[in-house]
Amino acid sequence: MSVRAIADGLGMTESAVSHQLRGLRQMHLVRARKAGRQVFYALDDDHVSRLFTLGLDHVQHG
């Protein structure tokens, strides 16, 4: 997803989202791909994706 799409979905500024994504990228939890001036982010691998899904399920059903 693009930083703008993430920011819109979370109701945050693009600057705040970029700051958080930078930290997640340094921890190898997300990966970045540039397309021109835009940067797109995705969860880094299947393990991270499964952990995210489990955490989200826990919050929604907790």
PDB file of N, CA and C in Angstrom:
ATOM      1  N   MET A   1       0.845  -1.184   0.000  1.00  0.00           N
ATOM      2  CA  MET A   1       0.000   0.000   0.000  1.00  0.00           C
ATOM      3  C   MET A   1       0.882   1.236   0.000  1.00  0.00           C
ATOM      4  N   SER A   2       0.358   2.301  -0.523  1.00  0.00           N
ATOM      5  CA  SER A   2       1.093   3.555  -0.512  1.00  0.00           C
ATOM      6  C   SER A   2       0.942   4.212   0.855  1.00  0.00           C
ATOM      7  N   VAL A   3       1.859   5.110   1.160  1.00  0.00           N
ATOM      8  CA  VAL A   3       1.798   5.845   2.427  1.00  0.00           C
ATOM      9  C   VAL A   3       0.477   6.605   2.505  1.00  0.00           C
ATOM     10  N   ARG A   4       0.054   7.195   1.404  1.00  0.00           N
ATOM     11  CA  ARG A   4      -1.199   7.955   1.394  1.00  0.00           C
ATOM     12  C   ARG A   4      -2.391   7.057   1.728  1.00  0.00           C
ATOM     13  N   ALA A   5      -2.446   5.867   1.128  1.00  0.00           N
ATOM     14  CA  ALA A   5      -3.555   4.943   1.391  1.00  0.00           C
ATOM     15  C   ALA A   5      -3.563   4.495   2.849  1.00  0.00           C
ATOM     16  N   ILE A   6      -2.394   4.227   3.391  1.00  0.00           N
ATOM     17  CA  ILE A   6      -2.307   3.827   4.802  1.00  0.00           C
ATOM     18  C   ILE A   6      -2.749   4.981   5.693  1.00  0.00           C
ATOM     19  N   ALA A   7      -2.260   6.190   5.398  1.00  0.00           N
ATOM     20  CA  ALA A   7      -2.617   7.365   6.197  1.00  0.00           C
ATOM     21  C   ALA A   7      -4.123   7.619   6.155  1.00  0.00           C
ATOM     22  N   ASP A   8      -4.708   7.542   4.971  1.00  0.00           N
ATOM     23  CA  ASP A   8      -6.153   7.750   4.835  1.00  0.00           C
ATOM     24  C   ASP A   8      -6.934   6.707   5.625  1.00  0.00           C
ATOM     25  N   GLY A   9      -6.503   5.458   5.535  1.00  0.00           N
ATOM     26  CA  GLY A   9      -7.191   4.381   6.235  1.00  0.00           C
ATOM     27  C   GLY A   9      -7.108   4.493   7.745  1.00  0.00           C
ATOM     28  N   LEU A  10      -6.009   5.063   8.234  1.00  0.00           N
ATOM     29  CA  LEU A  10      -5.814   5.195   9.678  1.00  0.00           C
ATOM     30  C   LEU A  10      -6.235   6.554  10.228  1.00  0.00           C
ATOM     31  N   GLY A  11      -6.519   7.485   9.332  1.00  0.00           N
ATOM     32  CA  GLY A  11      -6.857   8.834   9.777  1.00  0.00           C
ATOM     33  C   GLY A  11      -5.660   9.560  10.372  1.00  0.00           C
ATOM     34  N   MET A  12      -4.486   9.313   9.800  1.00  0.00           N
ATOM     35  CA  MET A  12      -3.244   9.929  10.266  1.00  0.00           C
ATOM     36  C   MET A  12      -2.640  10.743   9.133  1.00  0.00           C
ATOM     37  N   THR A  13      -1.650  11.562   9.461  1.00  0.00           N
ATOM     38  CA  THR A  13      -0.944  12.303   8.425  1.00  0.00           C
ATOM     39  C   THR A  13       0.059  11.383   7.735  1.00  0.00           C
ATOM     40  N   GLU A  14       0.386  11.704   6.497  1.00  0.00           N
ATOM     41  CA  GLU A  14       1.379  10.921   5.772  1.00  0.00           C
ATOM     42  C   GLU A  14       2.725  10.977   6.474  1.00  0.00           C
ATOM     43  N   SER A  15       3.055  12.125   7.059  1.00  0.00           N
ATOM     44  CA  SER A  15       4.311  12.282   7.773  1.00  0.00           C
ATOM     45  C   SER A  15       4.391  11.322   8.964  1.00  0.00           C
ATOM     46  N   ALA A  16       3.306  11.235   9.733  1.00  0.00           N
ATOM     47  CA  ALA A  16       3.287  10.346  10.906  1.00  0.00           C
ATOM     48  C   ALA A  16       3.397   8.885  10.471  1.00  0.00           C
ATOM     49  N   VAL A  17       2.698   8.527   9.403  1.00  0.00           N
ATOM     50  CA  VAL A  17       2.743   7.143   8.906  1.00  0.00           C
ATOM     51  C   VAL A  17       4.145   6.820   8.394  1.00  0.00           C
ATOM     52  N   SER A  18       4.745   7.722   7.642  1.00  0.00           N
ATOM     53  CA  SER A  18       6.099   7.505   7.127  1.00  0.00           C
ATOM     54  C   SER A  18       7.086   7.290   8.263  1.00  0.00           C
ATOM     55  N   HIS A  19       6.938   8.056   9.316  1.00  0.00           N
ATOM     56  CA  HIS A  19       7.823   7.929  10.479  1.00  0.00           C
ATOM     57  C   HIS A  19       7.698   6.536  11.100  1.00  0.00           C
ATOM     58  N   GLN A  20       6.483   6.057  11.271  1.00  0.00           N
ATOM     59  CA  GLN A  20       6.262   4.736  11.856  1.00  0.00           C
ATOM     60  C   GLN A  20       6.750   3.629  10.917  1.00  0.00           C
ATOM     61  N   LEU A  21       6.508   3.778   9.625  1.00  0.00           N
ATOM     62  CA  LEU A  21       6.943   2.774   8.662  1.00  0.00           C
ATOM     63  C   LEU A  21       8.460   2.672   8.603  1.00  0.00           C
ATOM     64  N   ARG A  22       9.143   3.777   8.783  1.00  0.00           N
ATOM     65  CA  ARG A  22      10.609   3.759   8.793  1.00  0.00           C
ATOM     66  C   ARG A  22      11.113   2.832   9.894  1.00  0.00           C
ATOM     67  N   GLY A  23      10.519   2.933  11.075  1.00  0.00           N
ATOM     68  CA  GLY A  23      10.911   2.057  12.182  1.00  0.00           C
ATOM     69  C   GLY A  23      10.577   0.605  11.899  1.00  0.00           C
ATOM     70  N   LEU A  24       9.408   0.354  11.335  1.00  0.00           N
ATOM     71  CA  LEU A  24       9.018  -1.021  10.999  1.00  0.00           C
ATOM     72  C   LEU A  24       9.942  -1.612   9.933  1.00  0.00           C
ATOM     73  N   ARG A  25      10.382  -0.767   9.013  1.00  0.00           N
ATOM     74  CA  ARG A  25      11.312  -1.230   7.980  1.00  0.00           C
ATOM     75  C   ARG A  25      12.673  -1.573   8.594  1.00  0.00           C
ATOM     76  N   GLN A  26      13.126  -0.784   9.543  1.00  0.00           N
ATOM     77  CA  GLN A  26      14.399  -1.053  10.211  1.00  0.00           C
ATOM     78  C   GLN A  26      14.349  -2.348  11.014  1.00  0.00           C
ATOM     79  N   MET A  27      13.167  -2.720  11.484  1.00  0.00           N
ATOM     80  CA  MET A  27      12.997  -3.969  12.226  1.00  0.00           C
ATOM     81  C   MET A  27      12.672  -5.138  11.299  1.00  0.00           C
ATOM     82  N   HIS A  28      12.668  -4.884   9.984  1.00  0.00           N
ATOM     83  CA  HIS A  28      12.396  -5.897   8.960  1.00  0.00           C
ATOM     84  C   HIS A  28      10.991  -6.492   9.085  1.00  0.00           C
ATOM     85  N   LEU A  29      10.038  -5.665   9.502  1.00  0.00           N
ATOM     86  CA  LEU A  29       8.649  -6.099   9.583  1.00  0.00           C
ATOM     87  C   LEU A  29       7.876  -5.734   8.320  1.00  0.00           C
ATOM     88  N   VAL A  30       8.314  -4.683   7.634  1.00  0.00           N
ATOM     89  CA  VAL A  30       7.731  -4.305   6.351  1.00  0.00           C
ATOM     90  C   VAL A  30       8.856  -4.094   5.346  1.00  0.00           C
ATOM     91  N   ARG A  31       8.500  -4.192   4.068  1.00  0.00           N
ATOM     92  CA  ARG A  31       9.465  -3.899   3.007  1.00  0.00           C
ATOM     93  C   ARG A  31       8.900  -2.768   2.150  1.00  0.00           C
ATOM     94  N   ALA A  32       9.789  -2.038   1.528  1.00  0.00           N
ATOM     95  CA  ALA A  32       9.382  -0.885   0.729  1.00  0.00           C
ATOM     96  C   ALA A  32       9.774  -1.096  -0.730  1.00  0.00           C
ATOM     97  N   ARG A  33       8.933  -0.533  -1.615  1.00  0.00           N
ATOM     98  CA  ARG A  33       9.204  -0.558  -3.054  1.00  0.00           C
ATOM     99  C   ARG A  33       8.886   0.830  -3.589  1.00  0.00           C
ATOM    100  N   LYS A  34       9.849   1.420  -4.285  1.00  0.00           N
ATOM    101  CA  LYS A  34       9.641   2.750  -4.856  1.00  0.00           C
ATOM    102  C   LYS A  34       9.132   2.638  -6.278  1.00  0.00           C
ATOM    103  N   ALA A  35       8.194   3.533  -6.610  1.00  0.00           N
ATOM    104  CA  ALA A  35       7.689   3.683  -7.976  1.00  0.00           C
ATOM    105  C   ALA A  35       7.634   5.181  -8.229  1.00  0.00           C
ATOM    106  N   GLY A  36       8.681   5.691  -8.830  1.00  0.00           N
ATOM    107  CA  GLY A  36       8.773   7.139  -9.002  1.00  0.00           C
ATOM    108  C   GLY A  36       8.983   7.792  -7.649  1.00  0.00           C
ATOM    109  N   ARG A  37       8.100   8.719  -7.310  1.00  0.00           N
ATOM    110  CA  ARG A  37       8.212   9.415  -6.017  1.00  0.00           C
ATOM    111  C   ARG A  37       7.423   8.723  -4.916  1.00  0.00           C
ATOM    112  N   GLN A  38       6.599   7.764  -5.287  1.00  0.00           N
ATOM    113  CA  GLN A  38       5.789   7.064  -4.287  1.00  0.00           C
ATOM    114  C   GLN A  38       6.525   5.854  -3.747  1.00  0.00           C
ATOM    115  N   VAL A  39       6.254   5.553  -2.473  1.00  0.00           N
ATOM    116  CA  VAL A  39       6.802   4.362  -1.844  1.00  0.00           C
ATOM    117  C   VAL A  39       5.625   3.494  -1.419  1.00  0.00           C
ATOM    118  N   PHE A  40       5.712   2.216  -1.753  1.00  0.00           N
ATOM    119  CA  PHE A  40       4.672   1.269  -1.393  1.00  0.00           C
ATOM    120  C   PHE A  40       5.238   0.295  -0.368  1.00  0.00           C
ATOM    121  N   TYR A  41       4.436  -0.046   0.616  1.00  0.00           N
ATOM    122  CA  TYR A  41       4.870  -0.921   1.693  1.00  0.00           C
ATOM    123  C   TYR A  41       4.043  -2.190   1.731  1.00  0.00           C
ATOM    124  N   ALA A  42       4.679  -3.266   2.176  1.00  0.00           N
ATOM    125  CA  ALA A  42       4.004  -4.550   2.372  1.00  0.00           C
ATOM    126  C   ALA A  42       4.644  -5.229   3.577  1.00  0.00           C
ATOM    127  N   LEU A  43       3.897  -6.130   4.207  1.00  0.00           N
ATOM    128  CA  LEU A  43       4.485  -6.913   5.287  1.00  0.00           C
ATOM    129  C   LEU A  43       5.651  -7.694   4.702  1.00  0.00           C
ATOM    130  N   ASP A  44       6.715  -7.869   5.488  1.00  0.00           N
ATOM    131  CA  ASP A  44       7.972  -8.389   4.957  1.00  0.00           C
ATOM    132  C   ASP A  44       7.914  -9.845   4.509  1.00  0.00           C
ATOM    133  N   ASP A  45       7.208 -10.698   5.232  1.00  0.00           N
ATOM    134  CA  ASP A  45       7.136 -12.099   4.810  1.00  0.00           C
ATOM    135  C   ASP A  45       5.886 -12.761   5.387  1.00  0.00           C
ATOM    136  N   ASP A  46       5.706 -14.025   5.062  1.00  0.00           N
ATOM    137  CA  ASP A  46       4.514 -14.747   5.500  1.00  0.00           C
ATOM    138  C   ASP A  46       4.429 -14.879   7.016  1.00  0.00           C
ATOM    139  N   HIS A  47       5.575 -15.002   7.688  1.00  0.00           N
ATOM    140  CA  HIS A  47       5.562 -15.114   9.148  1.00  0.00           C
ATOM    141  C   HIS A  47       5.003 -13.843   9.785  1.00  0.00           C
ATOM    142  N   VAL A  48       5.454 -12.703   9.313  1.00  0.00           N
ATOM    143  CA  VAL A  48       4.972 -11.424   9.832  1.00  0.00           C
ATOM    144  C   VAL A  48       3.486 -11.275   9.530  1.00  0.00           C
ATOM    145  N   SER A  49       3.084 -11.676   8.340  1.00  0.00           N
ATOM    146  CA  SER A  49       1.675 -11.584   7.963  1.00  0.00           C
ATOM    147  C   SER A  49       0.804 -12.452   8.875  1.00  0.00           C
ATOM    148  N   ARG A  50       1.242 -13.667   9.160  1.00  0.00           N
ATOM    149  CA  ARG A  50       0.471 -14.551  10.048  1.00  0.00           C
ATOM    150  C   ARG A  50       0.385 -13.985  11.459  1.00  0.00           C
ATOM    151  N   LEU A  51       1.493 -13.428  11.961  1.00  0.00           N
ATOM    152  CA  LEU A  51       1.477 -12.821  13.297  1.00  0.00           C
ATOM    153  C   LEU A  51       0.518 -11.637  13.353  1.00  0.00           C
ATOM    154  N   PHE A  52       0.526 -10.817  12.309  1.00  0.00           N
ATOM    155  CA  PHE A  52      -0.381  -9.681  12.247  1.00  0.00           C
ATOM    156  C   PHE A  52      -1.828 -10.155  12.250  1.00  0.00           C
ATOM    157  N   THR A  53      -2.117 -11.167  11.441  1.00  0.00           N
ATOM    158  CA  THR A  53      -3.482 -11.702  11.356  1.00  0.00           C
ATOM    159  C   THR A  53      -3.927 -12.273  12.699  1.00  0.00           C
ATOM    160  N   LEU A  54      -3.056 -13.020  13.366  1.00  0.00           N
ATOM    161  CA  LEU A  54      -3.394 -13.573  14.683  1.00  0.00           C
ATOM    162  C   LEU A  54      -3.653 -12.461  15.697  1.00  0.00           C
ATOM    163  N   GLY A  55      -2.815 -11.436  15.693  1.00  0.00           N
ATOM    164  CA  GLY A  55      -3.005 -10.311  16.608  1.00  0.00           C
ATOM    165  C   GLY A  55      -4.314  -9.584  16.337  1.00  0.00           C
ATOM    166  N   LEU A  56      -4.628  -9.355  15.075  1.00  0.00           N
ATOM    167  CA  LEU A  56      -5.872  -8.682  14.707  1.00  0.00           C
ATOM    168  C   LEU A  56      -7.079  -9.514  15.117  1.00  0.00           C
ATOM    169  N   ASP A  57      -7.029 -10.830  14.871  1.00  0.00           N
ATOM    170  CA  ASP A  57      -8.121 -11.711  15.304  1.00  0.00           C
ATOM    171  C   ASP A  57      -8.313 -11.648  16.811  1.00  0.00           C
ATOM    172  N   HIS A  58      -7.223 -11.633  17.546  1.00  0.00           N
ATOM    173  CA  HIS A  58      -7.292 -11.568  19.008  1.00  0.00           C
ATOM    174  C   HIS A  58      -7.985 -10.277  19.473  1.00  0.00           C
ATOM    175  N   VAL A  59      -7.620  -9.175  18.878  1.00  0.00           N
ATOM    176  CA  VAL A  59      -8.202  -7.878  19.248  1.00  0.00           C
ATOM    177  C   VAL A  59      -9.683  -7.846  18.901  1.00  0.00           C
ATOM    178  N   GLN A  60     -10.043  -8.358  17.746  1.00  0.00           N
ATOM    179  CA  GLN A  60     -11.438  -8.316  17.303  1.00  0.00           C
ATOM    180  C   GLN A  60     -12.331  -9.245  18.113  1.00  0.00           C
ATOM    181  N   HIS A  61     -11.791 -10.332  18.628  1.00  0.00           N
ATOM    182  CA  HIS A  61     -12.612 -11.300  19.352  1.00  0.00           C
ATOM    183  C   HIS A  61     -12.345 -11.309  20.852  1.00  0.00           C
ATOM    184  N   GLY A  62     -11.441 -10.426  21.298  1.00  0.00           N
ATOM    185  CA  GLY A  62     -11.059 -10.395  22.719  1.00  0.00           C
ATOM    186  C   GLY A  62     -12.047  -9.698  23.524  1.00  0.00           C
TER     187      GLY A  62
END
